[in-house]
N, C-alpha and C. Protein backbone atom coordinates (compact mmCIF):
# COMPACT_ATOMS: atom_id res chain seq x y z
N MET A 1 6.52 92.37 68.27
CA MET A 1 5.61 92.44 67.09
C MET A 1 6.03 93.61 66.12
N ILE A 2 6.85 93.73 64.29
CA ILE A 2 6.83 94.95 64.53
C ILE A 2 5.88 95.60 63.76
N PHE A 3 5.70 96.52 63.20
CA PHE A 3 4.67 97.42 62.80
C PHE A 3 5.17 98.00 62.02
N ILE A 4 4.34 98.80 60.97
CA ILE A 4 5.15 99.84 59.51
C ILE A 4 4.08 100.06 59.18
N ARG A 5 4.54 102.02 59.61
CA ARG A 5 4.04 103.20 59.04
C ARG A 5 5.18 103.77 57.77
N ARG A 6 4.24 104.58 57.15
CA ARG A 6 5.02 105.59 57.14
C ARG A 6 5.16 106.89 57.94
N ALA A 7 6.81 107.63 57.62
CA ALA A 7 6.89 108.59 58.94
C ALA A 7 6.44 109.93 58.64
N GLU A 8 6.70 109.91 59.62
CA GLU A 8 5.42 111.69 60.78
C GLU A 8 6.48 112.17 60.10
N LEU A 9 6.43 114.03 60.68
CA LEU A 9 6.91 114.50 61.35
C LEU A 9 7.05 114.90 63.09
N SER A 10 7.05 114.57 64.13
CA SER A 10 6.78 113.86 65.14
C SER A 10 7.73 112.63 65.03
N ASP A 11 8.22 112.02 63.97
CA ASP A 11 9.10 110.76 64.08
C ASP A 11 10.35 110.96 63.71
N ALA A 12 10.32 112.72 63.99
CA ALA A 12 11.99 112.53 63.43
C ALA A 12 13.16 112.64 64.71
N ALA A 13 12.79 112.34 65.61
CA ALA A 13 13.74 112.34 66.85
C ALA A 13 14.34 111.12 66.88
N GLN A 14 13.08 110.13 66.79
CA GLN A 14 13.73 108.76 67.03
C GLN A 14 14.21 108.34 65.65
N ILE A 15 13.62 109.02 64.71
CA ILE A 15 14.62 108.62 63.42
C ILE A 15 16.04 108.79 63.64
N GLN A 16 15.98 109.81 63.95
CA GLN A 16 17.84 110.62 64.41
C GLN A 16 18.18 109.64 64.93
N ARG A 17 17.48 108.66 66.19
CA ARG A 17 18.04 107.86 67.31
C ARG A 17 19.17 106.41 66.12
N VAL A 18 18.03 106.16 65.33
CA VAL A 18 18.19 105.01 64.03
C VAL A 18 19.56 105.26 63.51
N TYR A 19 19.83 106.38 63.21
CA TYR A 19 20.58 106.41 61.89
C TYR A 19 22.28 107.32 63.09
N ALA A 20 22.03 107.33 64.12
CA ALA A 20 23.06 107.81 65.31
C ALA A 20 23.96 106.33 65.25
N SER A 21 23.10 105.10 64.96
CA SER A 21 24.22 103.85 65.38
C SER A 21 24.78 103.50 64.91
N SER A 22 26.30 102.85 64.91
CA SER A 22 27.00 103.50 64.94
C SER A 22 27.44 102.32 63.20
N ASN A 23 26.62 101.27 63.07
CA ASN A 23 26.77 99.95 62.32
C ASN A 23 25.23 100.64 61.16
N THR A 24 24.20 101.50 62.18
CA THR A 24 23.68 101.97 61.09
C THR A 24 23.94 103.22 59.95
N LEU A 25 25.07 103.89 60.66
CA LEU A 25 25.77 105.13 60.13
C LEU A 25 26.62 104.11 59.51
N ALA A 26 27.55 103.62 59.52
CA ALA A 26 28.86 103.08 58.35
C ALA A 26 27.96 102.12 57.02
N GLY A 27 26.77 101.54 57.38
CA GLY A 27 25.54 101.46 55.57
C GLY A 27 25.36 102.75 55.30
N THR A 28 25.49 103.89 55.14
CA THR A 28 24.64 104.52 54.72
C THR A 28 25.78 105.83 54.83
N LEU A 29 25.49 106.58 53.25
CA LEU A 29 26.11 107.62 53.21
C LEU A 29 25.62 108.91 53.79
N GLN A 30 25.19 108.60 55.21
CA GLN A 30 24.57 109.75 56.30
C GLN A 30 26.15 109.71 57.31
N LEU A 31 25.72 111.66 57.68
CA LEU A 31 27.51 111.80 58.28
C LEU A 31 26.88 111.80 59.85
N PRO A 32 27.80 111.60 60.74
CA PRO A 32 27.92 111.87 62.04
C PRO A 32 27.29 112.71 62.24
N TYR A 33 26.46 112.13 63.36
CA TYR A 33 26.08 112.91 64.65
C TYR A 33 24.75 113.61 64.38
N PRO A 34 24.01 113.12 63.13
CA PRO A 34 22.75 113.63 62.78
C PRO A 34 21.13 114.45 63.59
N SER A 35 20.91 115.22 63.32
CA SER A 35 20.41 116.02 63.89
C SER A 35 18.82 115.99 64.27
N VAL A 36 18.09 115.93 64.92
CA VAL A 36 16.89 116.32 64.64
C VAL A 36 16.22 117.26 63.67
N GLU A 37 16.64 118.40 64.18
CA GLU A 37 15.91 119.69 63.04
C GLU A 37 16.53 119.11 61.76
N MET A 38 17.53 118.76 61.14
CA MET A 38 18.03 117.71 60.38
C MET A 38 16.85 117.06 60.11
N TRP A 39 16.51 115.87 60.84
CA TRP A 39 15.14 114.56 60.04
C TRP A 39 13.89 114.83 59.61
N GLN A 40 13.48 116.23 61.00
CA GLN A 40 12.75 117.24 60.34
C GLN A 40 12.48 117.53 59.22
N GLU A 41 13.77 117.97 58.74
CA GLU A 41 13.23 119.18 57.34
C GLU A 41 13.48 118.40 56.18
N ARG A 42 13.70 117.25 56.06
CA ARG A 42 14.06 116.09 55.43
C ARG A 42 12.81 115.42 55.33
N LEU A 43 11.49 115.43 56.35
CA LEU A 43 10.35 115.06 56.15
C LEU A 43 9.47 115.71 55.38
N ARG A 44 9.81 117.29 56.16
CA ARG A 44 9.39 118.25 55.72
C ARG A 44 8.78 118.52 54.07
N GLN A 45 9.98 117.90 53.83
CA GLN A 45 10.65 118.39 52.58
C GLN A 45 10.78 117.03 51.48
N MET A 46 10.16 116.35 51.58
CA MET A 46 10.31 115.06 51.17
C MET A 46 8.92 115.57 50.44
N ASP A 47 9.11 114.81 49.03
CA ASP A 47 8.75 114.62 47.82
C ASP A 47 7.16 113.69 47.72
N PRO A 48 6.03 114.57 48.32
CA PRO A 48 4.93 113.54 47.97
C PRO A 48 4.88 112.52 46.87
N ASN A 49 5.26 111.73 46.34
CA ASN A 49 5.84 110.88 46.03
C ASN A 49 6.41 109.67 46.07
N ASP A 50 6.88 110.59 46.60
CA ASP A 50 8.23 109.62 47.95
C ASP A 50 8.02 108.65 49.12
N ILE A 51 8.92 107.92 49.37
CA ILE A 51 7.69 107.09 50.75
C ILE A 51 8.56 106.86 51.73
N LEU A 52 8.98 106.75 53.01
CA LEU A 52 9.42 106.04 54.18
C LEU A 52 8.52 106.40 55.10
N LEU A 53 9.24 105.19 55.21
CA LEU A 53 8.07 104.04 55.69
C LEU A 53 9.53 103.75 57.53
N ILE A 54 8.65 103.92 58.59
CA ILE A 54 9.73 103.44 59.42
C ILE A 54 8.90 102.25 60.11
N ALA A 55 9.45 101.19 60.77
CA ALA A 55 9.33 99.91 61.51
C ALA A 55 9.04 100.37 62.54
N MET A 56 8.62 99.68 64.26
CA MET A 56 8.24 100.87 65.66
C MET A 56 8.18 98.80 65.60
N TYR A 57 8.56 98.97 66.91
CA TYR A 57 8.58 97.80 67.63
C TYR A 57 8.45 98.32 69.72
N ASP A 58 7.50 97.57 69.78
CA ASP A 58 7.08 98.19 71.26
C ASP A 58 6.74 100.15 71.17
N GLY A 59 6.03 100.77 70.01
CA GLY A 59 7.02 102.08 70.30
C GLY A 59 7.49 102.60 70.11
N VAL A 60 8.27 102.23 69.82
CA VAL A 60 10.51 102.59 69.77
C VAL A 60 10.40 102.18 67.62
N VAL A 61 10.83 103.17 67.65
CA VAL A 61 10.80 103.70 65.86
C VAL A 61 12.58 102.74 65.78
N VAL A 62 12.29 101.63 65.44
CA VAL A 62 13.82 100.58 65.14
C VAL A 62 14.64 100.58 64.00
N GLY A 63 13.78 100.77 63.14
CA GLY A 63 14.27 101.28 61.48
C GLY A 63 13.48 101.65 60.56
N THR A 64 14.30 101.88 59.44
CA THR A 64 13.48 102.91 58.07
C THR A 64 14.00 102.76 56.96
N GLY A 65 13.03 102.68 56.32
CA GLY A 65 12.96 102.04 54.20
C GLY A 65 12.17 103.23 53.39
N GLY A 66 12.72 103.24 52.31
CA GLY A 66 12.61 104.52 51.78
C GLY A 66 12.54 104.56 50.64
N LEU A 67 11.97 104.92 49.65
CA LEU A 67 11.55 104.62 47.88
C LEU A 67 11.76 105.79 47.29
N GLN A 68 12.22 105.98 46.66
CA GLN A 68 12.46 107.50 46.09
C GLN A 68 12.37 107.30 44.12
N SER A 69 11.55 107.78 43.89
CA SER A 69 10.96 107.49 42.64
C SER A 69 11.72 108.17 41.73
N GLU A 70 12.30 108.00 41.12
CA GLU A 70 12.67 108.60 39.06
C GLU A 70 12.45 109.45 38.56
N LYS A 71 12.51 110.99 39.19
CA LYS A 71 11.49 112.15 38.23
C LYS A 71 11.34 112.59 36.87
N LYS A 72 12.71 111.98 36.30
CA LYS A 72 13.15 112.00 34.30
C LYS A 72 12.67 111.29 34.11
N ILE A 73 11.27 111.48 33.15
CA ILE A 73 10.41 110.75 32.47
C ILE A 73 10.82 110.15 31.44
N ARG A 74 12.01 109.79 31.45
CA ARG A 74 11.97 108.23 30.57
C ARG A 74 13.25 107.46 31.47
N ARG A 75 12.73 107.90 33.28
CA ARG A 75 13.36 106.77 34.21
C ARG A 75 12.11 106.85 35.09
N ARG A 76 10.42 106.67 35.17
CA ARG A 76 9.59 107.21 36.07
C ARG A 76 9.49 105.77 36.38
N HIS A 77 9.94 104.40 35.65
CA HIS A 77 9.94 103.13 36.26
C HIS A 77 10.33 102.94 37.13
N VAL A 78 11.67 103.64 37.68
CA VAL A 78 11.75 102.96 38.52
C VAL A 78 13.04 104.15 39.41
N ALA A 79 13.12 103.44 40.79
CA ALA A 79 12.77 104.36 41.73
C ALA A 79 13.54 103.79 42.69
N SER A 80 14.32 103.95 43.60
CA SER A 80 15.67 104.08 44.49
C SER A 80 15.28 103.79 45.97
N ILE A 81 15.76 102.62 46.77
CA ILE A 81 15.42 101.82 48.25
C ILE A 81 17.16 101.94 48.53
N GLY A 82 16.15 103.09 50.33
CA GLY A 82 17.04 103.12 51.04
C GLY A 82 16.80 102.41 52.22
N MET A 83 17.94 102.58 53.41
CA MET A 83 16.67 101.39 53.78
C MET A 83 18.37 101.88 55.58
N GLY A 84 17.58 101.57 57.17
CA GLY A 84 18.67 102.26 58.25
C GLY A 84 17.90 100.95 58.83
N VAL A 85 18.62 99.73 59.57
CA VAL A 85 17.64 99.69 61.06
C VAL A 85 18.73 99.83 62.32
N ALA A 86 18.16 100.15 63.57
CA ALA A 86 19.08 100.72 64.63
C ALA A 86 19.56 99.19 65.38
N ASP A 87 21.24 99.60 64.75
CA ASP A 87 22.17 98.24 65.38
C ASP A 87 21.43 97.73 66.95
N SER A 88 20.75 97.19 67.78
CA SER A 88 19.68 96.61 67.87
C SER A 88 19.14 96.10 67.85
N PHE A 89 18.46 95.97 66.87
CA PHE A 89 17.39 95.15 66.13
C PHE A 89 18.20 94.50 65.39
N THR A 90 19.71 94.86 64.76
CA THR A 90 19.62 93.68 63.34
C THR A 90 19.56 92.80 63.64
N GLY A 91 19.51 91.62 62.23
CA GLY A 91 18.81 90.70 62.51
C GLY A 91 17.71 90.24 63.35
N ARG A 92 16.90 90.84 63.09
CA ARG A 92 15.64 90.68 64.04
C ARG A 92 14.55 90.69 63.12
N GLY A 93 14.36 90.34 62.17
CA GLY A 93 13.50 90.51 60.85
C GLY A 93 13.15 92.05 60.52
N VAL A 94 13.40 93.11 60.51
CA VAL A 94 13.26 94.04 60.74
C VAL A 94 13.36 94.97 58.91
N GLY A 95 14.68 94.50 58.64
CA GLY A 95 14.76 94.57 57.28
C GLY A 95 14.11 93.80 56.51
N SER A 96 13.28 92.78 56.82
CA SER A 96 12.45 92.38 55.66
C SER A 96 10.73 92.67 55.69
N ALA A 97 10.68 93.04 57.13
CA ALA A 97 9.30 93.97 57.27
C ALA A 97 9.15 94.74 56.13
N LEU A 98 9.68 95.57 56.35
CA LEU A 98 10.53 96.65 55.59
C LEU A 98 9.91 96.94 54.68
N LEU A 99 11.05 95.59 53.76
CA LEU A 99 11.39 95.39 52.46
C LEU A 99 10.51 95.20 51.85
N THR A 100 9.59 94.36 52.65
CA THR A 100 8.00 93.54 51.77
C THR A 100 6.99 94.84 51.37
N GLU A 101 7.34 95.38 51.98
CA GLU A 101 6.33 96.89 52.34
C GLU A 101 6.69 97.60 51.03
N LEU A 102 7.61 97.71 51.07
CA LEU A 102 8.65 98.66 49.64
C LEU A 102 7.80 98.20 48.93
N LEU A 103 8.35 96.50 48.75
CA LEU A 103 8.23 96.42 47.47
C LEU A 103 6.48 95.75 46.87
N ASN A 104 6.07 96.00 48.71
CA ASN A 104 4.59 95.79 48.12
C ASN A 104 4.29 96.58 47.07
N LEU A 105 5.08 98.08 47.92
CA LEU A 105 3.86 99.54 47.35
C LEU A 105 4.64 99.64 46.27
N ALA A 106 5.29 99.27 45.62
CA ALA A 106 6.99 99.72 44.03
C ALA A 106 5.89 98.98 43.10
N ASP A 107 5.56 97.46 43.95
CA ASP A 107 4.50 96.15 42.27
C ASP A 107 3.60 96.46 42.23
N ASN A 108 2.51 96.41 43.25
CA ASN A 108 1.46 97.44 42.95
C ASN A 108 0.66 97.88 42.99
N TRP A 109 1.07 99.34 43.57
CA TRP A 109 0.54 100.53 43.75
C TRP A 109 1.87 101.99 42.87
N HIS A 110 3.06 101.67 42.89
CA HIS A 110 3.54 102.90 41.87
C HIS A 110 4.05 102.52 40.97
N ASN A 111 3.99 101.35 39.63
CA ASN A 111 4.08 100.66 38.70
C ASN A 111 5.09 100.60 38.58
N LEU A 112 6.35 100.29 39.13
CA LEU A 112 7.87 100.96 39.16
C LEU A 112 7.82 98.94 38.31
N ALA A 113 8.99 99.09 37.72
CA ALA A 113 9.54 97.91 36.81
C ALA A 113 10.91 97.81 37.22
N ARG A 114 11.48 98.40 37.98
CA ARG A 114 12.57 98.53 38.79
C ARG A 114 13.72 98.89 39.75
N LEU A 115 13.56 98.29 40.35
CA LEU A 115 14.31 99.42 41.53
C LEU A 115 16.22 98.88 41.62
N GLU A 116 16.55 100.23 42.49
CA GLU A 116 17.61 99.78 42.79
C GLU A 116 18.43 100.20 44.04
N LEU A 117 19.67 100.39 44.59
CA LEU A 117 19.70 100.02 45.76
C LEU A 117 21.49 99.93 45.46
N THR A 118 22.36 101.32 46.64
CA THR A 118 24.07 100.65 46.43
C THR A 118 23.38 100.06 47.30
N VAL A 119 24.92 99.11 48.00
CA VAL A 119 25.54 98.65 49.36
C VAL A 119 26.60 98.11 49.76
N PHE A 120 27.17 98.64 50.57
CA PHE A 120 28.52 98.40 50.44
C PHE A 120 29.04 97.15 50.43
N CYS A 121 29.91 96.99 50.17
CA CYS A 121 30.26 95.93 50.22
C CYS A 121 30.60 94.65 51.33
N ASP A 122 31.36 95.19 51.75
CA ASP A 122 31.19 94.45 52.99
C ASP A 122 30.19 94.44 53.96
N ASN A 123 28.91 94.76 53.95
CA ASN A 123 28.05 95.11 54.63
C ASN A 123 26.94 93.40 53.65
N ALA A 124 27.77 91.57 54.91
CA ALA A 124 27.12 90.92 54.02
C ALA A 124 25.70 90.93 54.76
N ALA A 125 25.30 91.48 55.82
CA ALA A 125 23.42 91.65 56.20
C ALA A 125 23.12 92.13 55.25
N ALA A 126 23.53 93.15 55.02
CA ALA A 126 21.81 93.69 53.70
C ALA A 126 22.41 93.48 52.39
N LEU A 127 23.34 92.62 52.14
CA LEU A 127 23.62 91.78 50.81
C LEU A 127 22.94 90.37 51.17
N HIS A 128 22.89 89.97 52.08
CA HIS A 128 22.07 88.96 52.03
C HIS A 128 20.37 88.86 51.97
N LEU A 129 20.03 89.86 52.66
CA LEU A 129 18.29 90.47 52.83
C LEU A 129 17.98 91.20 51.56
N TYR A 130 19.12 91.52 50.61
CA TYR A 130 18.49 91.92 49.27
C TYR A 130 18.42 90.64 47.88
N GLY A 131 19.63 90.18 48.51
CA GLY A 131 19.75 88.73 47.64
C GLY A 131 18.77 87.98 47.96
N LYS A 132 17.45 87.77 48.77
CA LYS A 132 16.65 87.14 49.66
C LYS A 132 14.99 87.57 49.18
N PHE A 133 16.09 88.88 48.52
CA PHE A 133 14.32 89.90 47.86
C PHE A 133 14.60 89.51 46.81
N GLY A 134 15.49 88.98 46.24
CA GLY A 134 15.76 89.03 44.46
C GLY A 134 16.40 90.41 43.72
N PHE A 135 17.26 91.07 44.36
CA PHE A 135 18.56 91.77 44.59
C PHE A 135 19.26 90.97 43.87
N GLU A 136 19.26 91.80 42.58
CA GLU A 136 20.99 90.98 41.61
C GLU A 136 22.36 91.61 41.66
N ILE A 137 23.10 91.59 42.16
CA ILE A 137 24.52 92.72 41.56
C ILE A 137 24.52 93.38 40.67
N GLU A 138 24.92 93.88 40.16
CA GLU A 138 24.45 94.23 38.45
C GLU A 138 26.31 95.02 38.37
N GLY A 139 27.21 95.40 39.64
CA GLY A 139 28.59 95.95 39.29
C GLY A 139 28.95 96.62 40.64
N LYS A 140 30.23 97.08 40.07
CA LYS A 140 30.95 97.62 42.25
C LYS A 140 31.16 99.11 40.99
N HIS A 141 31.09 99.89 42.18
CA HIS A 141 31.96 101.00 42.44
C HIS A 141 33.21 101.21 43.78
N ARG A 142 34.60 102.02 42.25
CA ARG A 142 35.46 100.97 43.15
C ARG A 142 35.46 102.43 43.91
N ALA A 143 35.96 102.23 45.39
CA ALA A 143 36.33 103.88 46.06
C ALA A 143 34.61 104.62 46.56
N TYR A 144 34.09 104.37 46.13
CA TYR A 144 32.36 104.57 46.34
C TYR A 144 31.76 105.93 47.29
N ALA A 145 32.59 105.66 48.39
CA ALA A 145 32.05 106.69 49.38
C ALA A 145 33.03 106.41 50.29
N LEU A 146 33.48 107.96 51.28
CA LEU A 146 34.70 108.20 52.81
C LEU A 146 34.24 107.42 53.34
N ARG A 147 34.31 106.37 54.42
CA ARG A 147 33.82 105.87 55.40
C ARG A 147 35.04 106.17 56.95
N ASN A 148 34.97 106.71 58.10
CA ASN A 148 35.49 106.49 58.55
C ASN A 148 36.97 106.64 57.95
N GLY A 149 37.44 107.66 57.52
CA GLY A 149 38.67 107.65 56.67
C GLY A 149 38.84 106.91 55.79
N ALA A 150 38.48 105.85 54.71
CA ALA A 150 38.78 105.12 53.52
C ALA A 150 37.30 104.99 53.06
N PHE A 151 38.23 104.76 51.62
CA PHE A 151 37.48 104.22 51.05
C PHE A 151 36.57 103.26 51.12
N VAL A 152 35.53 103.07 50.20
CA VAL A 152 35.10 102.08 50.62
C VAL A 152 33.86 101.30 49.23
N ASP A 153 33.99 100.21 48.85
CA ASP A 153 34.13 100.07 47.28
C ASP A 153 32.36 99.66 48.12
N ALA A 154 30.81 99.63 47.01
CA ALA A 154 29.55 99.05 46.89
C ALA A 154 29.80 98.49 45.38
N TYR A 155 28.57 97.74 46.00
CA TYR A 155 27.35 97.11 44.64
C TYR A 155 26.36 98.34 44.77
N ALA A 156 26.27 97.78 42.93
CA ALA A 156 25.14 98.21 42.14
C ALA A 156 24.13 97.04 42.55
N MET A 157 23.34 97.38 43.12
CA MET A 157 21.88 96.26 42.69
C MET A 157 20.37 96.62 41.92
N ALA A 158 19.90 95.83 41.93
CA ALA A 158 18.86 95.72 40.58
C ALA A 158 17.62 94.81 41.14
N ARG A 159 16.89 94.66 41.18
CA ARG A 159 15.39 94.40 41.04
C ARG A 159 14.45 94.70 40.05
N PHE A 160 14.25 93.16 39.44
CA PHE A 160 12.81 94.09 38.39
C PHE A 160 11.65 93.29 39.07
N HIS A 161 10.72 94.26 38.38
CA HIS A 161 9.38 94.06 39.04
C HIS A 161 9.16 92.23 38.26
N PRO A 162 8.76 91.23 39.37
CA PRO A 162 8.69 89.49 38.83
C PRO A 162 7.25 89.41 38.22
N ARG A 163 6.55 90.73 37.99
CA ARG A 163 4.94 90.26 36.70
C ARG A 163 4.81 91.48 36.69
N PRO A 164 5.24 92.37 35.97
CA PRO A 164 4.83 93.23 35.13
C PRO A 164 3.37 93.60 34.68
N PRO A 165 2.39 94.20 35.21
CA PRO A 165 1.26 94.67 34.49
C PRO A 165 0.93 94.14 33.18
N VAL A 166 -0.09 93.91 32.65
CA VAL A 166 -0.35 93.95 31.67
C VAL A 166 -1.49 94.90 30.89
N ILE A 167 -1.62 95.33 30.29
CA ILE A 167 -2.31 96.10 30.31
C ILE A 167 -3.62 95.82 29.37
N PRO A 168 -5.04 95.58 29.39
CA PRO A 168 -5.88 95.18 29.11
C PRO A 168 -6.69 95.47 27.78
N GLU A 169 -6.71 94.23 27.03
CA GLU A 169 -7.54 95.21 26.02
C GLU A 169 -8.81 95.56 26.29
N SER A 170 -9.25 96.40 25.69
CA SER A 170 -11.04 97.14 25.43
C SER A 170 -11.96 96.83 25.17
N GLY A 171 -11.29 96.23 23.98
CA GLY A 171 -12.42 95.33 23.32
C GLY A 171 -13.15 96.03 22.18
N LEU A 172 -12.55 97.45 22.43
CA LEU A 172 -13.00 98.34 20.98
C LEU A 172 -12.73 97.93 20.03
C-alpha cells in the first residue's frame, strides 16, 4: 500500500535515491548525481507555504510530488507541480496517489484556481497521468532543456479548479 506524507529533513537520502534513477532524472530538470546534502539543503530552505509530499511503500520513499505557490500578488491563485517516481515504481499508482493528494491540497486548502506544470513531450506516462487528472496542453516549449547532450521539447500544461469556491453572501 502507498502511504503519502509531507517530506521531512530525514527523508533527504531516500529522496536523493529516487532522483538518482535514470528515467526519473530524465523526466526532470535535475542534474545527474544529486547529493544527499543538496536535498537536505532544499528541504531546509523550503518556503513553508510550499509542499513536498513523499510516497512511501513498505517504509521506502518511492516518489515525490511538490506544489510550489506563486509569490507575486497577481499570481497567487497559481501554483506549479513537480513530480518524480522511482524507476522501479512507475506504473504502480504512485504518481496517481501523489497527484490526488496534491490536487486535494490545491483545491480544498490552498485556494488555488490554476495549476501549471511542464512535461517533456516524450514522457508518455506522465502525459497520460496528467491528462487523466484534467491537465491540458496549452503550448509547446521548443528546445526547452538539455538532456543527455540533446535539446528536448516540453509541453506547458495547466488545470483549472473544477469547482472554484464561492464567496457566501453575508446577509448584512
